[in-house]
Amino acid sequence: MFSSVLKKSLVTAAAGAVVLQSMSTVQAEETTSTKNNNSKLSIYDEPEPKRIVIESPTKLEEHVAYAHKYANDALNEGKAHVDTLHGHVQSFENDVRGIVIKQLKEIDIRKD
């Protein structure tokens, strides 16, 4: 479902986000340790670094999504064919109705 280029770019973006997160955590720890050395100890707990979990779809999920899309496309195509057939049948019924009414009028005219 996903192209290899898209997968590679997503992996690269995820790796970059992890690296940036770890760098900001290291910088925060350095800043905190520098402040603690210069001033009194804080009575509050150190803030926990934020961790971001990036989930990627599994092969099974990709295949299920592809099958779902294919089934929906086939269903929509089938609905379009049924709608077209329904339109043709209605047109045929209208033509037959018109012919029958015309014939009945001609029969009535002949009787008079």
PDB file of N, CA and C in Angstrom:
ATOM      1  N   MET A   1       0.828  -1.176   0.000  1.00  0.00           N
ATOM      2  CA  MET A   1       0.000   0.000   0.000  1.00  0.00           C
ATOM      3  C   MET A   1       0.877   1.245   0.000  1.00  0.00           C
ATOM      4  N   PHE A   2       1.907   1.278   0.835  1.00  0.00           N
ATOM      5  CA  PHE A   2       2.795   2.422   0.874  1.00  0.00           C
ATOM      6  C   PHE A   2       3.992   2.139  -0.019  1.00  0.00           C
ATOM      7  N   SER A   3       4.455   3.161  -0.718  1.00  0.00           N
ATOM      8  CA  SER A   3       5.611   2.972  -1.566  1.00  0.00           C
ATOM      9  C   SER A   3       6.870   2.933  -0.700  1.00  0.00           C
ATOM     10  N   SER A   4       7.921   2.378  -1.278  1.00  0.00           N
ATOM     11  CA  SER A   4       9.162   2.252  -0.517  1.00  0.00           C
ATOM     12  C   SER A   4       9.747   3.627  -0.191  1.00  0.00           C
ATOM     13  N   VAL A   5       9.557   4.596  -1.077  1.00  0.00           N
ATOM     14  CA  VAL A   5      10.071   5.950  -0.830  1.00  0.00           C
ATOM     15  C   VAL A   5       9.347   6.566   0.366  1.00  0.00           C
ATOM     16  N   LEU A   6       8.028   6.374   0.424  1.00  0.00           N
ATOM     17  CA  LEU A   6       7.245   6.899   1.543  1.00  0.00           C
ATOM     18  C   LEU A   6       7.654   6.226   2.842  1.00  0.00           C
ATOM     19  N   LYS A   7       7.857   4.918   2.800  1.00  0.00           N
ATOM     20  CA  LYS A   7       8.277   4.198   4.002  1.00  0.00           C
ATOM     21  C   LYS A   7       9.630   4.714   4.488  1.00  0.00           C
ATOM     22  N   LYS A   8      10.561   4.893   3.542  1.00  0.00           N
ATOM     23  CA  LYS A   8      11.891   5.373   3.921  1.00  0.00           C
ATOM     24  C   LYS A   8      11.818   6.778   4.515  1.00  0.00           C
ATOM     25  N   SER A   9      10.980   7.630   3.934  1.00  0.00           N
ATOM     26  CA  SER A   9      10.875   8.992   4.463  1.00  0.00           C
ATOM     27  C   SER A   9      10.232   8.995   5.836  1.00  0.00           C
ATOM     28  N   LEU A  10       9.248   8.114   6.067  1.00  0.00           N
ATOM     29  CA  LEU A  10       8.636   8.016   7.391  1.00  0.00           C
ATOM     30  C   LEU A  10       9.633   7.514   8.426  1.00  0.00           C
ATOM     31  N   VAL A  11      10.433   6.525   8.039  1.00  0.00           N
ATOM     32  CA  VAL A  11      11.449   5.995   8.953  1.00  0.00           C
ATOM     33  C   VAL A  11      12.477   7.068   9.265  1.00  0.00           C
ATOM     34  N   THR A  12      12.884   7.820   8.236  1.00  0.00           N
ATOM     35  CA  THR A  12      13.862   8.894   8.442  1.00  0.00           C
ATOM     36  C   THR A  12      13.294   9.978   9.358  1.00  0.00           C
ATOM     37  N   ALA A  13      12.040  10.336   9.144  1.00  0.00           N
ATOM     38  CA  ALA A  13      11.402  11.350   9.992  1.00  0.00           C
ATOM     39  C   ALA A  13      11.296  10.865  11.435  1.00  0.00           C
ATOM     40  N   ALA A  14      10.961   9.596  11.613  1.00  0.00           N
ATOM     41  CA  ALA A  14      10.845   9.044  12.962  1.00  0.00           C
ATOM     42  C   ALA A  14      12.212   9.035  13.650  1.00  0.00           C
ATOM     43  N   ALA A  15      13.232   8.634  12.907  1.00  0.00           N
ATOM     44  CA  ALA A  15      14.582   8.615  13.479  1.00  0.00           C
ATOM     45  C   ALA A  15      15.028  10.035  13.840  1.00  0.00           C
ATOM     46  N   GLY A  16      14.718  10.988  12.966  1.00  0.00           N
ATOM     47  CA  GLY A  16      15.076  12.385  13.258  1.00  0.00           C
ATOM     48  C   GLY A  16      14.363  12.900  14.494  1.00  0.00           C
ATOM     49  N   ALA A  17      13.092  12.535  14.646  1.00  0.00           N
ATOM     50  CA  ALA A  17      12.341  12.969  15.826  1.00  0.00           C
ATOM     51  C   ALA A  17      12.932  12.386  17.096  1.00  0.00           C
ATOM     52  N   VAL A  18      13.345  11.121  17.036  1.00  0.00           N
ATOM     53  CA  VAL A  18      13.952  10.483  18.210  1.00  0.00           C
ATOM     54  C   VAL A  18      15.273  11.162  18.553  1.00  0.00           C
ATOM     55  N   VAL A  19      16.062  11.462  17.533  1.00  0.00           N
ATOM     56  CA  VAL A  19      17.356  12.119  17.771  1.00  0.00           C
ATOM     57  C   VAL A  19      17.137  13.501  18.375  1.00  0.00           C
ATOM     58  N   LEU A  20      16.199  14.275  17.822  1.00  0.00           N
ATOM     59  CA  LEU A  20      15.920  15.604  18.361  1.00  0.00           C
ATOM     60  C   LEU A  20      15.412  15.526  19.794  1.00  0.00           C
ATOM     61  N   GLN A  21      14.564  14.540  20.060  1.00  0.00           N
ATOM     62  CA  GLN A  21      14.039  14.365  21.423  1.00  0.00           C
ATOM     63  C   GLN A  21      15.174  14.030  22.390  1.00  0.00           C
ATOM     64  N   SER A  22      16.053  13.129  21.979  1.00  0.00           N
ATOM     65  CA  SER A  22      17.154  12.754  22.881  1.00  0.00           C
ATOM     66  C   SER A  22      18.120  13.918  23.073  1.00  0.00           C
ATOM     67  N   MET A  23      18.322  14.732  22.005  1.00  0.00           N
ATOM     68  CA  MET A  23      19.229  15.881  22.139  1.00  0.00           C
ATOM     69  C   MET A  23      18.645  16.908  23.102  1.00  0.00           C
ATOM     70  N   SER A  24      17.336  17.163  22.987  1.00  0.00           N
ATOM     71  CA  SER A  24      16.733  18.147  23.890  1.00  0.00           C
ATOM     72  C   SER A  24      16.740  17.631  25.324  1.00  0.00           C
ATOM     73  N   THR A  25      16.603  16.309  25.510  1.00  0.00           N
ATOM     74  CA  THR A  25      16.667  15.727  26.849  1.00  0.00           C
ATOM     75  C   THR A  25      18.062  15.890  27.430  1.00  0.00           C
ATOM     76  N   VAL A  26      19.081  15.650  26.623  1.00  0.00           N
ATOM     77  CA  VAL A  26      20.470  15.802  27.088  1.00  0.00           C
ATOM     78  C   VAL A  26      20.738  17.256  27.442  1.00  0.00           C
ATOM     79  N   GLN A  27      20.284  18.181  26.593  1.00  0.00           N
ATOM     80  CA  GLN A  27      20.491  19.598  26.871  1.00  0.00           C
ATOM     81  C   GLN A  27      19.758  20.014  28.146  1.00  0.00           C
ATOM     82  N   ALA A  28      18.561  19.499  28.342  1.00  0.00           N
ATOM     83  CA  ALA A  28      17.810  19.823  29.550  1.00  0.00           C
ATOM     84  C   ALA A  28      18.523  19.280  30.783  1.00  0.00           C
ATOM     85  N   GLU A  29      19.059  18.058  30.675  1.00  0.00           N
ATOM     86  CA  GLU A  29      19.785  17.488  31.807  1.00  0.00           C
ATOM     87  C   GLU A  29      21.047  18.291  32.113  1.00  0.00           C
ATOM     88  N   GLU A  30      21.756  18.754  31.059  1.00  0.00           N
ATOM     89  CA  GLU A  30      22.949  19.558  31.270  1.00  0.00           C
ATOM     90  C   GLU A  30      22.590  20.887  31.928  1.00  0.00           C
ATOM     91  N   THR A  31      21.511  21.488  31.463  1.00  0.00           N
ATOM     92  CA  THR A  31      21.069  22.761  32.033  1.00  0.00           C
ATOM     93  C   THR A  31      20.669  22.585  33.491  1.00  0.00           C
ATOM     94  N   THR A  32      19.948  21.519  33.779  1.00  0.00           N
ATOM     95  CA  THR A  32      19.511  21.250  35.140  1.00  0.00           C
ATOM     96  C   THR A  32      20.703  20.982  36.049  1.00  0.00           C
ATOM     97  N   SER A  33      21.653  20.194  35.569  1.00  0.00           N
ATOM     98  CA  SER A  33      22.816  19.890  36.411  1.00  0.00           C
ATOM     99  C   SER A  33      23.656  21.142  36.631  1.00  0.00           C
ATOM    100  N   THR A  34      23.730  22.025  35.659  1.00  0.00           N
ATOM    101  CA  THR A  34      24.473  23.269  35.809  1.00  0.00           C
ATOM    102  C   THR A  34      23.781  24.168  36.829  1.00  0.00           C
ATOM    103  N   LYS A  35      22.474  24.244  36.755  1.00  0.00           N
ATOM    104  CA  LYS A  35      21.734  25.081  37.705  1.00  0.00           C
ATOM    105  C   LYS A  35      21.848  24.522  39.119  1.00  0.00           C
ATOM    106  N   ASN A  36      21.811  23.223  39.255  1.00  0.00           N
ATOM    107  CA  ASN A  36      21.891  22.615  40.580  1.00  0.00           C
ATOM    108  C   ASN A  36      23.252  22.847  41.221  1.00  0.00           C
ATOM    109  N   ASN A  37      24.278  22.893  40.436  1.00  0.00           N
ATOM    110  CA  ASN A  37      25.612  23.137  40.979  1.00  0.00           C
ATOM    111  C   ASN A  37      25.747  24.587  41.439  1.00  0.00           C
ATOM    112  N   ASN A  38      25.066  25.516  40.780  1.00  0.00           N
ATOM    113  CA  ASN A  38      25.208  26.927  41.094  1.00  0.00           C
ATOM    114  C   ASN A  38      24.240  27.397  42.177  1.00  0.00           C
ATOM    115  N   SER A  39      23.186  26.689  42.422  1.00  0.00           N
ATOM    116  CA  SER A  39      22.194  27.152  43.385  1.00  0.00           C
ATOM    117  C   SER A  39      21.799  26.016  44.322  1.00  0.00           C
ATOM    118  N   LYS A  40      20.813  26.311  45.146  1.00  0.00           N
ATOM    119  CA  LYS A  40      20.346  25.310  46.085  1.00  0.00           C
ATOM    120  C   LYS A  40      19.632  24.189  45.343  1.00  0.00           C
ATOM    121  N   LEU A  41      19.560  23.060  45.994  1.00  0.00           N
ATOM    122  CA  LEU A  41      18.834  21.942  45.418  1.00  0.00           C
ATOM    123  C   LEU A  41      17.345  22.251  45.416  1.00  0.00           C
ATOM    124  N   SER A  42      16.681  21.772  44.383  1.00  0.00           N
ATOM    125  CA  SER A  42      15.254  22.013  44.249  1.00  0.00           C
ATOM    126  C   SER A  42      14.485  21.050  45.140  1.00  0.00           C
ATOM    127  N   ILE A  43      13.373  21.530  45.687  1.00  0.00           N
ATOM    128  CA  ILE A  43      12.546  20.657  46.510  1.00  0.00           C
ATOM    129  C   ILE A  43      11.576  19.859  45.637  1.00  0.00           C
ATOM    130  N   TYR A  44      11.513  20.184  44.370  1.00  0.00           N
ATOM    131  CA  TYR A  44      10.627  19.494  43.449  1.00  0.00           C
ATOM    132  C   TYR A  44      11.377  18.408  42.689  1.00  0.00           C
ATOM    133  N   ASP A  45      10.624  17.414  42.245  1.00  0.00           N
ATOM    134  CA  ASP A  45      11.222  16.346  41.445  1.00  0.00           C
ATOM    135  C   ASP A  45      11.617  16.884  40.077  1.00  0.00           C
ATOM    136  N   GLU A  46      12.611  16.251  39.503  1.00  0.00           N
ATOM    137  CA  GLU A  46      13.039  16.607  38.152  1.00  0.00           C
ATOM    138  C   GLU A  46      11.919  16.258  37.168  1.00  0.00           C
ATOM    139  N   PRO A  47      11.658  17.108  36.194  1.00  0.00           N
ATOM    140  CA  PRO A  47      10.626  16.770  35.199  1.00  0.00           C
ATOM    141  C   PRO A  47      11.081  15.588  34.341  1.00  0.00           C
ATOM    142  N   GLU A  48      10.164  14.700  34.090  1.00  0.00           N
ATOM    143  CA  GLU A  48      10.485  13.523  33.280  1.00  0.00           C
ATOM    144  C   GLU A  48      10.498  13.924  31.812  1.00  0.00           C
ATOM    145  N   PRO A  49      11.459  13.439  31.040  1.00  0.00           N
ATOM    146  CA  PRO A  49      11.483  13.775  29.613  1.00  0.00           C
ATOM    147  C   PRO A  49      10.283  13.137  28.900  1.00  0.00           C
ATOM    148  N   LYS A  50       9.779  13.830  27.912  1.00  0.00           N
ATOM    149  CA  LYS A  50       8.647  13.318  27.152  1.00  0.00           C
ATOM    150  C   LYS A  50       9.142  12.288  26.146  1.00  0.00           C
ATOM    151  N   ARG A  51       8.410  11.201  26.057  1.00  0.00           N
ATOM    152  CA  ARG A  51       8.766  10.151  25.098  1.00  0.00           C
ATOM    153  C   ARG A  51       7.631  10.044  24.087  1.00  0.00           C
ATOM    154  N   ILE A  52       8.019  10.020  22.838  1.00  0.00           N
ATOM    155  CA  ILE A  52       7.035   9.923  21.775  1.00  0.00           C
ATOM    156  C   ILE A  52       7.141   8.533  21.154  1.00  0.00           C
ATOM    157  N   VAL A  53       6.021   7.836  21.104  1.00  0.00           N
ATOM    158  CA  VAL A  53       5.982   6.516  20.490  1.00  0.00           C
ATOM    159  C   VAL A  53       5.361   6.670  19.108  1.00  0.00           C
ATOM    160  N   ILE A  54       6.092   6.273  18.103  1.00  0.00           N
ATOM    161  CA  ILE A  54       5.610   6.362  16.731  1.00  0.00           C
ATOM    162  C   ILE A  54       5.298   4.951  16.260  1.00  0.00           C
ATOM    163  N   GLU A  55       4.026   4.724  15.944  1.00  0.00           N
ATOM    164  CA  GLU A  55       3.615   3.404  15.484  1.00  0.00           C
ATOM    165  C   GLU A  55       3.519   3.407  13.971  1.00  0.00           C
ATOM    166  N   SER A  56       4.007   2.348  13.389  1.00  0.00           N
ATOM    167  CA  SER A  56       3.877   2.192  11.946  1.00  0.00           C
ATOM    168  C   SER A  56       3.016   0.963  11.674  1.00  0.00           C
ATOM    169  N   PRO A  57       2.282   0.981  10.576  1.00  0.00           N
ATOM    170  CA  PRO A  57       1.407  -0.157  10.302  1.00  0.00           C
ATOM    171  C   PRO A  57       2.215  -1.420   9.991  1.00  0.00           C
ATOM    172  N   THR A  58       1.674  -2.550  10.425  1.00  0.00           N
ATOM    173  CA  THR A  58       2.326  -3.827  10.129  1.00  0.00           C
ATOM    174  C   THR A  58       1.975  -4.235   8.703  1.00  0.00           C
ATOM    175  N   LYS A  59       2.647  -5.265   8.213  1.00  0.00           N
ATOM    176  CA  LYS A  59       2.375  -5.771   6.868  1.00  0.00           C
ATOM    177  C   LYS A  59       0.921  -6.223   6.758  1.00  0.00           C
ATOM    178  N   LEU A  60       0.426  -6.884   7.815  1.00  0.00           N
ATOM    179  CA  LEU A  60      -0.956  -7.359   7.801  1.00  0.00           C
ATOM    180  C   LEU A  60      -1.921  -6.184   7.678  1.00  0.00           C
ATOM    181  N   GLU A  61      -1.686  -5.111   8.440  1.00  0.00           N
ATOM    182  CA  GLU A  61      -2.553  -3.939   8.372  1.00  0.00           C
ATOM    183  C   GLU A  61      -2.511  -3.295   6.990  1.00  0.00           C
ATOM    184  N   GLU A  62      -1.320  -3.275   6.376  1.00  0.00           N
ATOM    185  CA  GLU A  62      -1.198  -2.725   5.028  1.00  0.00           C
ATOM    186  C   GLU A  62      -2.004  -3.555   4.036  1.00  0.00           C
ATOM    187  N   HIS A  63      -1.887  -4.887   4.150  1.00  0.00           N
ATOM    188  CA  HIS A  63      -2.615  -5.767   3.233  1.00  0.00           C
ATOM    189  C   HIS A  63      -4.124  -5.672   3.452  1.00  0.00           C
ATOM    190  N   VAL A  64      -4.542  -5.569   4.696  1.00  0.00           N
ATOM    191  CA  VAL A  64      -5.971  -5.432   4.984  1.00  0.00           C
ATOM    192  C   VAL A  64      -6.487  -4.112   4.412  1.00  0.00           C
ATOM    193  N   ALA A  65      -5.745  -3.044   4.561  1.00  0.00           N
ATOM    194  CA  ALA A  65      -6.155  -1.746   4.023  1.00  0.00           C
ATOM    195  C   ALA A  65      -6.248  -1.804   2.496  1.00  0.00           C
ATOM    196  N   TYR A  66      -5.287  -2.477   1.868  1.00  0.00           N
ATOM    197  CA  TYR A  66      -5.306  -2.610   0.409  1.00  0.00           C
ATOM    198  C   TYR A  66      -6.522  -3.419  -0.030  1.00  0.00           C
ATOM    199  N   ALA A  67      -6.800  -4.526   0.656  1.00  0.00           N
ATOM    200  CA  ALA A  67      -7.948  -5.360   0.321  1.00  0.00           C
ATOM    201  C   ALA A  67      -9.254  -4.593   0.533  1.00  0.00           C
ATOM    202  N   HIS A  68      -9.316  -3.805   1.604  1.00  0.00           N
ATOM    203  CA  HIS A  68     -10.504  -2.995   1.891  1.00  0.00           C
ATOM    204  C   HIS A  68     -10.733  -1.981   0.774  1.00  0.00           C
ATOM    205  N   LYS A  69      -9.677  -1.322   0.338  1.00  0.00           N
ATOM    206  CA  LYS A  69      -9.786  -0.340  -0.737  1.00  0.00           C
ATOM    207  C   LYS A  69     -10.227  -1.022  -2.030  1.00  0.00           C
ATOM    208  N   TYR A  70      -9.632  -2.175  -2.350  1.00  0.00           N
ATOM    209  CA  TYR A  70      -9.971  -2.894  -3.568  1.00  0.00           C
ATOM    210  C   TYR A  70     -11.435  -3.341  -3.532  1.00  0.00           C
ATOM    211  N   ALA A  71     -11.895  -3.846  -2.387  1.00  0.00           N
ATOM    212  CA  ALA A  71     -13.287  -4.288  -2.252  1.00  0.00           C
ATOM    213  C   ALA A  71     -14.239  -3.112  -2.407  1.00  0.00           C
ATOM    214  N   ASN A  72     -13.916  -1.977  -1.803  1.00  0.00           N
ATOM    215  CA  ASN A  72     -14.769  -0.786  -1.935  1.00  0.00           C
ATOM    216  C   ASN A  72     -14.830  -0.305  -3.382  1.00  0.00           C
ATOM    217  N   ASP A  73     -13.686  -0.325  -4.075  1.00  0.00           N
ATOM    218  CA  ASP A  73     -13.672   0.084  -5.475  1.00  0.00           C
ATOM    219  C   ASP A  73     -14.539  -0.849  -6.321  1.00  0.00           C
ATOM    220  N   ALA A  74     -14.419  -2.160  -6.081  1.00  0.00           N
ATOM    221  CA  ALA A  74     -15.225  -3.128  -6.827  1.00  0.00           C
ATOM    222  C   ALA A  74     -16.712  -2.941  -6.519  1.00  0.00           C
ATOM    223  N   LEU A  75     -17.046  -2.686  -5.264  1.00  0.00           N
ATOM    224  CA  LEU A  75     -18.431  -2.466  -4.878  1.00  0.00           C
ATOM    225  C   LEU A  75     -18.995  -1.215  -5.552  1.00  0.00           C
ATOM    226  N   ASN A  76     -18.227  -0.142  -5.555  1.00  0.00           N
ATOM    227  CA  ASN A  76     -18.680   1.095  -6.194  1.00  0.00           C
ATOM    228  C   ASN A  76     -18.871   0.904  -7.697  1.00  0.00           C
ATOM    229  N   GLU A  77     -17.978   0.138  -8.316  1.00  0.00           N
ATOM    230  CA  GLU A  77     -18.112  -0.143  -9.745  1.00  0.00           C
ATOM    231  C   GLU A  77     -19.378  -0.970 -10.003  1.00  0.00           C
ATOM    232  N   GLY A  78     -19.633  -1.953  -9.155  1.00  0.00           N
ATOM    233  CA  GLY A  78     -20.846  -2.760  -9.293  1.00  0.00           C
ATOM    234  C   GLY A  78     -22.103  -1.927  -9.116  1.00  0.00           C
ATOM    235  N   LYS A  79     -22.084  -1.016  -8.137  1.00  0.00           N
ATOM    236  CA  LYS A  79     -23.236  -0.130  -7.933  1.00  0.00           C
ATOM    237  C   LYS A  79     -23.476   0.748  -9.160  1.00  0.00           C
ATOM    238  N   ALA A  80     -22.402   1.223  -9.777  1.00  0.00           N
ATOM    239  CA  ALA A  80     -22.535   2.054 -10.975  1.00  0.00           C
ATOM    240  C   ALA A  80     -23.177   1.248 -12.108  1.00  0.00           C
ATOM    241  N   HIS A  81     -22.771  -0.013 -12.268  1.00  0.00           N
ATOM    242  CA  HIS A  81     -23.365  -0.855 -13.311  1.00  0.00           C
ATOM    243  C   HIS A  81     -24.846  -1.103 -13.035  1.00  0.00           C
ATOM    244  N   VAL A  82     -25.197  -1.370 -11.785  1.00  0.00           N
ATOM    245  CA  VAL A  82     -26.597  -1.597 -11.429  1.00  0.00           C
ATOM    246  C   VAL A  82     -27.419  -0.338 -11.679  1.00  0.00           C
ATOM    247  N   ASP A  83     -26.875   0.828 -11.319  1.00  0.00           N
ATOM    248  CA  ASP A  83     -27.585   2.086 -11.562  1.00  0.00           C
ATOM    249  C   ASP A  83     -27.809   2.315 -13.057  1.00  0.00           C
ATOM    250  N   THR A  84     -26.799   1.997 -13.865  1.00  0.00           N
ATOM    251  CA  THR A  84     -26.930   2.143 -15.314  1.00  0.00           C
ATOM    252  C   THR A  84     -28.008   1.211 -15.849  1.00  0.00           C
ATOM    253  N   LEU A  85     -27.992  -0.042 -15.407  1.00  0.00           N
ATOM    254  CA  LEU A  85     -29.005  -1.008 -15.836  1.00  0.00           C
ATOM    255  C   LEU A  85     -30.402  -0.547 -15.409  1.00  0.00           C
ATOM    256  N   HIS A  86     -30.512  -0.033 -14.193  1.00  0.00           N
ATOM    257  CA  HIS A  86     -31.803   0.464 -13.700  1.00  0.00           C
ATOM    258  C   HIS A  86     -32.307   1.596 -14.582  1.00  0.00           C
ATOM    259  N   GLY A  87     -31.430   2.494 -14.982  1.00  0.00           N
ATOM    260  CA  GLY A  87     -31.812   3.595 -15.869  1.00  0.00           C
ATOM    261  C   GLY A  87     -32.295   3.086 -17.218  1.00  0.00           C
ATOM    262  N   HIS A  88     -31.605   2.076 -17.769  1.00  0.00           N
ATOM    263  CA  HIS A  88     -32.024   1.512 -19.052  1.00  0.00           C
ATOM    264  C   HIS A  88     -33.394   0.844 -18.934  1.00  0.00           C
ATOM    265  N   VAL A  89     -33.620   0.118 -17.853  1.00  0.00           N
ATOM    266  CA  VAL A  89     -34.904  -0.553 -17.650  1.00  0.00           C
ATOM    267  C   VAL A  89     -36.020   0.480 -17.523  1.00  0.00           C
ATOM    268  N   GLN A  90     -35.793   1.543 -16.780  1.00  0.00           N
ATOM    269  CA  GLN A  90     -36.812   2.592 -16.646  1.00  0.00           C
ATOM    270  C   GLN A  90     -37.104   3.239 -17.994  1.00  0.00           C
ATOM    271  N   SER A  91     -36.068   3.481 -18.769  1.00  0.00           N
ATOM    272  CA  SER A  91     -36.256   4.071 -20.095  1.00  0.00           C
ATOM    273  C   SER A  91     -37.079   3.128 -20.974  1.00  0.00           C
ATOM    274  N   PHE A  92     -36.775   1.831 -20.931  1.00  0.00           N
ATOM    275  CA  PHE A  92     -37.527   0.845 -21.704  1.00  0.00           C
ATOM    276  C   PHE A  92     -38.991   0.812 -21.259  1.00  0.00           C
ATOM    277  N   GLU A  93     -39.226   0.836 -19.942  1.00  0.00           N
ATOM    278  CA  GLU A  93     -40.603   0.843 -19.437  1.00  0.00           C
ATOM    279  C   GLU A  93     -41.363   2.076 -19.921  1.00  0.00           C
ATOM    280  N   ASN A  94     -40.720   3.226 -19.897  1.00  0.00           N
ATOM    281  CA  ASN A  94     -41.370   4.450 -20.362  1.00  0.00           C
ATOM    282  C   ASN A  94     -41.694   4.370 -21.853  1.00  0.00           C
ATOM    283  N   ASP A  95     -40.772   3.814 -22.638  1.00  0.00           N
ATOM    284  CA  ASP A  95     -41.022   3.658 -24.070  1.00  0.00           C
ATOM    285  C   ASP A  95     -42.204   2.724 -24.315  1.00  0.00           C
ATOM    286  N   VAL A  96     -42.235   1.598 -23.598  1.00  0.00           N
ATOM    287  CA  VAL A  96     -43.339   0.647 -23.744  1.00  0.00           C
ATOM    288  C   VAL A  96     -44.653   1.295 -23.315  1.00  0.00           C
ATOM    289  N   ARG A  97     -44.642   2.008 -22.211  1.00  0.00           N
ATOM    290  CA  ARG A  97     -45.842   2.681 -21.718  1.00  0.00           C
ATOM    291  C   ARG A  97     -46.356   3.664 -22.772  1.00  0.00           C
ATOM    292  N   GLY A  98     -45.435   4.432 -23.362  1.00  0.00           N
ATOM    293  CA  GLY A  98     -45.829   5.396 -24.400  1.00  0.00           C
ATOM    294  C   GLY A  98     -46.436   4.707 -25.607  1.00  0.00           C
ATOM    295  N   ILE A  99     -45.838   3.595 -26.033  1.00  0.00           N
ATOM    296  CA  ILE A  99     -46.351   2.860 -27.192  1.00  0.00           C
ATOM    297  C   ILE A  99     -47.735   2.293 -26.886  1.00  0.00           C
ATOM    298  N   VAL A 100     -47.917   1.717 -25.702  1.00  0.00           N
ATOM    299  CA  VAL A 100     -49.208   1.136 -25.331  1.00  0.00           C
ATOM    300  C   VAL A 100     -50.280   2.216 -25.282  1.00  0.00           C
ATOM    301  N   ILE A 101     -49.978   3.354 -24.668  1.00  0.00           N
ATOM    302  CA  ILE A 101     -50.956   4.445 -24.590  1.00  0.00           C
ATOM    303  C   ILE A 101     -51.315   4.927 -25.993  1.00  0.00           C
ATOM    304  N   LYS A 102     -50.305   5.049 -26.861  1.00  0.00           N
ATOM    305  CA  LYS A 102     -50.536   5.490 -28.241  1.00  0.00           C
ATOM    306  C   LYS A 102     -51.448   4.499 -28.967  1.00  0.00           C
ATOM    307  N   GLN A 103     -51.187   3.203 -28.791  1.00  0.00           N
ATOM    308  CA  GLN A 103     -52.010   2.177 -29.441  1.00  0.00           C
ATOM    309  C   GLN A 103     -53.438   2.204 -28.902  1.00  0.00           C
ATOM    310  N   LEU A 104     -53.579   2.380 -27.592  1.00  0.00           N
ATOM    311  CA  LEU A 104     -54.923   2.439 -27.011  1.00  0.00           C
ATOM    312  C   LEU A 104     -55.697   3.644 -27.526  1.00  0.00           C
ATOM    313  N   LYS A 105     -55.043   4.769 -27.680  1.00  0.00           N
ATOM    314  CA  LYS A 105     -55.706   5.957 -28.212  1.00  0.00           C
ATOM    315  C   LYS A 105     -56.149   5.722 -29.653  1.00  0.00           C
ATOM    316  N   GLU A 106     -55.313   5.042 -30.438  1.00  0.00           N
ATOM    317  CA  GLU A 106     -55.663   4.758 -31.829  1.00  0.00           C
ATOM    318  C   GLU A 106     -56.873   3.815 -31.882  1.00  0.00           C
ATOM    319  N   ILE A 107     -56.931   2.845 -30.965  1.00  0.00           N
ATOM    320  CA  ILE A 107     -58.068   1.911 -30.927  1.00  0.00           C
ATOM    321  C   ILE A 107     -59.339   2.666 -30.552  1.00  0.00           C
ATOM    322  N   ASP A 108     -59.232   3.592 -29.588  1.00  0.00           N
ATOM    323  CA  ASP A 108     -60.392   4.392 -29.185  1.00  0.00           C
ATOM    324  C   ASP A 108     -60.871   5.278 -30.325  1.00  0.00           C
ATOM    325  N   ILE A 109     -59.967   5.820 -31.088  1.00  0.00           N
ATOM    326  CA  ILE A 109     -60.341   6.692 -32.218  1.00  0.00           C
ATOM    327  C   ILE A 109     -61.069   5.872 -33.271  1.00  0.00           C
ATOM    328  N   ARG A 110     -60.605   4.657 -33.520  1.00  0.00           N
ATOM    329  CA  ARG A 110     -61.232   3.808 -34.526  1.00  0.00           C
ATOM    330  C   ARG A 110     -62.645   3.408 -34.108  1.00  0.00           C
ATOM    331  N   LYS A 111     -62.871   3.220 -32.831  1.00  0.00           N
ATOM    332  CA  LYS A 111     -64.198   2.812 -32.349  1.00  0.00           C
ATOM    333  C   LYS A 111     -65.216   3.923 -32.523  1.00  0.00           C
ATOM    334  N   ASP A 112     -64.788   5.155 -32.395  1.00  0.00           N
ATOM    335  CA  ASP A 112     -65.723   6.285 -32.478  1.00  0.00           C
ATOM    336  C   ASP A 112     -66.086   6.530 -33.876  1.00  0.00           C
TER     337      ASP A 112
END
